N, C-alpha and C. Protein backbone atom coordinates (compact mmCIF):
# COMPACT_ATOMS: atom_id res chain seq x y z
N UNK A 1 0.87 -1.16 -0.02
CA UNK A 1 0.07 0.04 -0.08
C UNK A 1 0.91 1.12 -0.08
N UNK A 2 1.94 1.27 0.71
CA UNK A 2 2.92 2.41 0.68
C UNK A 2 3.41 2.80 -0.56
N UNK A 3 3.40 1.99 -1.46
CA UNK A 3 3.80 2.21 -2.73
C UNK A 3 2.87 2.88 -3.54
N UNK A 4 1.44 2.70 -3.41
CA UNK A 4 0.44 3.44 -4.01
C UNK A 4 -0.01 4.71 -3.35
N UNK A 5 0.64 5.03 -2.26
CA UNK A 5 0.27 6.13 -1.54
C UNK A 5 0.81 7.45 -2.18
N UNK A 6 0.19 8.42 -2.45
CA UNK A 6 0.32 9.65 -3.07
C UNK A 6 0.32 10.86 -1.77
N UNK A 7 1.15 10.82 -1.01
CA UNK A 7 1.13 11.63 0.29
C UNK A 7 0.98 12.95 0.07
N UNK A 8 1.45 13.66 -1.10
CA UNK A 8 1.08 15.14 -1.52
C UNK A 8 -0.46 15.07 -1.80
N UNK A 9 -0.90 14.25 -2.50
CA UNK A 9 -2.43 14.35 -2.84
C UNK A 9 -3.17 14.17 -1.53
N UNK A 10 -2.81 13.26 -0.56
CA UNK A 10 -3.43 13.02 0.55
C UNK A 10 -3.55 14.44 1.59
N UNK A 11 -2.27 15.09 1.60
CA UNK A 11 -2.31 16.39 2.18
C UNK A 11 -3.04 17.50 1.66
N UNK A 12 -3.18 17.28 0.10
CA UNK A 12 -4.07 18.48 -0.53
C UNK A 12 -5.45 18.15 -0.17
N UNK A 13 -5.83 16.81 -0.03
CA UNK A 13 -7.25 16.45 0.26
C UNK A 13 -7.45 17.06 1.75
N UNK A 14 -6.58 16.93 2.52
CA UNK A 14 -6.90 17.72 3.93
C UNK A 14 -7.13 19.04 3.87
N UNK A 15 -6.28 19.58 2.91
CA UNK A 15 -6.46 21.19 2.73
C UNK A 15 -7.73 21.60 2.14
N UNK A 16 -8.17 20.76 1.21
CA UNK A 16 -9.62 20.96 0.46
C UNK A 16 -10.76 20.77 1.63
N UNK A 17 -10.55 19.82 2.51
CA UNK A 17 -11.56 19.35 3.41
C UNK A 17 -11.53 20.55 4.54
N UNK A 18 -10.47 21.45 4.84
CA UNK A 18 -10.44 22.54 5.90
C UNK A 18 -10.98 23.70 4.95
N UNK A 19 -11.09 23.88 3.74
CA UNK A 19 -11.51 24.81 2.87
C UNK A 19 -12.92 24.60 3.00
N UNK A 20 -13.51 23.29 2.58
CA UNK A 20 -14.80 23.11 2.58
C UNK A 20 -15.50 23.28 3.99
N UNK A 21 -14.82 22.94 4.99
CA UNK A 21 -15.44 23.28 6.25
C UNK A 21 -15.61 24.62 6.57
N UNK A 22 -14.80 25.40 6.39
CA UNK A 22 -14.97 26.94 6.36
C UNK A 22 -16.01 27.46 5.81
N UNK A 23 -16.12 27.11 4.64
CA UNK A 23 -17.17 27.60 3.58
C UNK A 23 -18.72 26.81 3.79
N UNK A 24 -18.71 25.91 4.68
CA UNK A 24 -19.85 25.10 5.03
C UNK A 24 -21.05 26.01 5.53
N UNK A 25 -22.08 26.09 5.13
CA UNK A 25 -23.17 27.01 5.49
C UNK A 25 -23.84 26.62 6.91
N UNK A 26 -24.07 27.26 7.70
CA UNK A 26 -24.83 26.90 9.06
C UNK A 26 -26.43 26.37 8.70
N UNK A 27 -26.66 25.23 9.15
CA UNK A 27 -27.82 24.57 8.92
C UNK A 27 -29.10 25.43 9.71
N UNK A 28 -30.38 25.51 9.11
CA UNK A 28 -31.30 26.28 9.88
C UNK A 28 -31.83 25.66 11.16
N UNK A 29 -30.67 25.50 11.99
CA UNK A 29 -31.11 25.12 13.67
C UNK A 29 -30.68 26.27 14.41
N UNK A 30 -31.30 26.25 15.60
CA UNK A 30 -31.15 27.29 16.69
C UNK A 30 -30.65 26.60 18.07
N UNK A 31 -30.34 27.33 19.00
CA UNK A 31 -30.05 27.05 20.37
C UNK A 31 -29.06 26.10 20.47
N UNK A 32 -29.00 24.93 21.59
CA UNK A 32 -28.03 24.17 21.68
C UNK A 32 -27.33 23.44 20.39
N UNK A 33 -28.40 22.82 19.52
CA UNK A 33 -27.94 22.40 18.31
C UNK A 33 -26.96 23.17 17.24
N UNK A 34 -27.44 24.44 17.29
CA UNK A 34 -26.61 25.31 16.41
C UNK A 34 -25.15 25.43 16.94
N UNK A 35 -25.18 25.67 18.33
CA UNK A 35 -23.73 25.67 19.08
C UNK A 35 -22.98 24.55 18.77
N UNK A 36 -23.59 23.28 18.85
CA UNK A 36 -23.00 22.16 18.74
C UNK A 36 -22.40 21.77 17.37
N UNK A 37 -23.24 22.37 16.30
CA UNK A 37 -22.68 22.33 14.87
C UNK A 37 -21.49 23.24 14.74
N UNK A 38 -21.69 24.46 15.34
CA UNK A 38 -20.44 25.36 15.23
C UNK A 38 -19.09 24.84 15.81
N UNK A 39 -19.25 24.22 17.01
CA UNK A 39 -18.22 23.70 17.79
C UNK A 39 -17.47 22.66 16.96
N UNK A 40 -18.49 21.88 16.43
CA UNK A 40 -17.89 20.61 15.51
C UNK A 40 -17.31 21.18 14.33
N UNK A 41 -17.75 22.21 13.80
CA UNK A 41 -17.02 22.71 12.55
C UNK A 41 -15.70 23.22 12.91
N UNK A 42 -15.70 23.92 14.03
CA UNK A 42 -14.34 24.61 14.45
C UNK A 42 -13.38 23.39 14.58
N UNK A 43 -13.82 22.29 15.24
CA UNK A 43 -12.82 21.13 15.52
C UNK A 43 -12.65 20.40 14.09
N UNK A 44 -13.54 20.31 13.30
CA UNK A 44 -13.19 19.74 11.95
C UNK A 44 -12.25 20.56 11.14
N UNK A 45 -12.27 21.88 11.05
CA UNK A 45 -11.34 22.69 10.39
C UNK A 45 -9.94 22.71 11.23
N UNK A 46 -9.89 22.79 12.51
CA UNK A 46 -8.80 22.59 13.14
C UNK A 46 -7.89 21.19 12.64
N UNK A 47 -8.61 20.44 12.72
CA UNK A 47 -8.04 18.86 12.25
C UNK A 47 -7.64 18.86 10.96
N UNK A 48 -8.45 19.17 10.03
CA UNK A 48 -8.13 19.26 8.65
C UNK A 48 -6.94 20.32 8.32
N UNK A 49 -7.05 21.27 9.00
CA UNK A 49 -6.02 22.46 8.57
C UNK A 49 -4.73 21.74 8.86
N UNK A 50 -4.62 21.33 10.31
CA UNK A 50 -3.32 20.75 10.82
C UNK A 50 -2.72 19.81 10.02
N UNK A 51 -3.52 18.80 9.54
CA UNK A 51 -3.04 17.61 8.75
C UNK A 51 -2.70 18.35 7.37
N UNK A 52 -3.47 19.38 6.83
CA UNK A 52 -3.01 19.87 5.60
C UNK A 52 -1.91 20.76 5.67
N UNK A 53 -1.39 21.14 6.77
CA UNK A 53 -0.06 21.64 6.92
C UNK A 53 1.09 20.93 7.27
N UNK A 54 0.78 19.64 7.42
CA UNK A 54 1.72 18.56 7.72
C UNK A 54 3.01 18.31 6.71
N UNK A 55 3.94 17.92 7.01
CA UNK A 55 5.11 17.57 6.23
C UNK A 55 4.97 15.89 6.30
N UNK A 56 4.91 15.25 5.16
CA UNK A 56 4.71 13.84 5.27
C UNK A 56 6.00 13.17 4.62
N UNK A 57 6.20 12.01 5.02
CA UNK A 57 7.21 11.07 4.30
C UNK A 57 7.13 9.67 4.85
N UNK A 58 7.51 8.84 3.97
CA UNK A 58 7.32 7.49 4.22
C UNK A 58 8.72 7.02 4.77
N UNK A 59 8.67 6.39 5.83
CA UNK A 59 9.98 5.84 6.45
C UNK A 59 9.94 4.37 6.84
N UNK A 60 10.52 3.59 5.96
CA UNK A 60 10.40 2.09 6.29
C UNK A 60 9.03 1.71 6.06
N UNK A 61 8.00 2.26 5.31
CA UNK A 61 6.98 1.85 5.23
C UNK A 61 5.91 2.41 6.09
N UNK A 62 6.33 3.50 7.07
CA UNK A 62 5.57 3.96 8.15
C UNK A 62 5.33 5.38 7.51
N UNK A 63 4.09 5.93 7.55
CA UNK A 63 3.65 7.20 7.15
C UNK A 63 3.93 8.10 8.46
N UNK A 64 4.76 9.08 8.28
CA UNK A 64 5.21 9.93 9.36
C UNK A 64 4.61 11.51 8.86
N UNK A 65 3.71 11.80 9.77
CA UNK A 65 3.31 13.30 9.54
C UNK A 65 3.80 14.12 10.57
N UNK A 66 4.61 15.19 10.27
CA UNK A 66 5.24 16.09 11.06
C UNK A 66 4.44 17.56 11.06
N UNK A 67 3.97 18.05 12.01
CA UNK A 67 3.08 19.17 12.28
C UNK A 67 3.82 20.04 13.40
N UNK A 68 4.33 21.21 12.80
CA UNK A 68 4.83 22.21 13.71
C UNK A 68 4.00 23.01 14.35
N UNK A 69 3.56 22.88 15.67
CA UNK A 69 2.64 23.51 16.35
C UNK A 69 3.38 24.66 17.40
N UNK A 70 4.69 24.86 17.02
CA UNK A 70 5.18 26.11 17.57
C UNK A 70 4.44 27.32 17.17
N UNK A 71 4.16 28.42 17.99
CA UNK A 71 3.88 29.72 17.47
C UNK A 71 4.81 30.28 16.44
N UNK A 72 4.37 30.93 15.44
CA UNK A 72 4.99 31.61 14.67
C UNK A 72 6.01 32.81 14.93
N UNK A 73 7.06 33.18 14.94
CA UNK A 73 7.87 34.06 15.40
C UNK A 73 7.53 35.40 14.54
N UNK A 74 7.96 36.60 15.01
CA UNK A 74 7.62 37.57 14.28
C UNK A 74 8.66 37.85 12.96
N UNK A 75 9.82 37.19 13.07
CA UNK A 75 10.84 37.27 12.17
C UNK A 75 10.45 36.11 11.05
N UNK A 76 9.58 35.34 11.37
CA UNK A 76 9.38 34.17 10.19
C UNK A 76 8.00 34.71 9.46
N UNK A 77 7.30 35.52 9.85
CA UNK A 77 6.26 36.17 9.18
C UNK A 77 4.87 35.49 9.84
C-alpha cells in the first residue's frame, strides 16, 4: 500500500476539506444544536487544517506526519 500512497495528494485533500468546512453554511437550526454544529465545525477545520499543513514522508513503510505546532515568530512572518 505504501507504494500506492500519494502523500502530497493526501495532504491536499486535507487542505481541501479544511476549506470546505470553512465555507460550510450553517444549517437552519437554533439553540444548543446550532452551538454544537459550530463547535464541531471548528474542530473539523482545526483537524483538517493541521493535517493539511503537515510535512509527510514514508520511512520504512511508515507514514510520518510532522506538524509544527510552535507559534510563529515575528521574524518568520
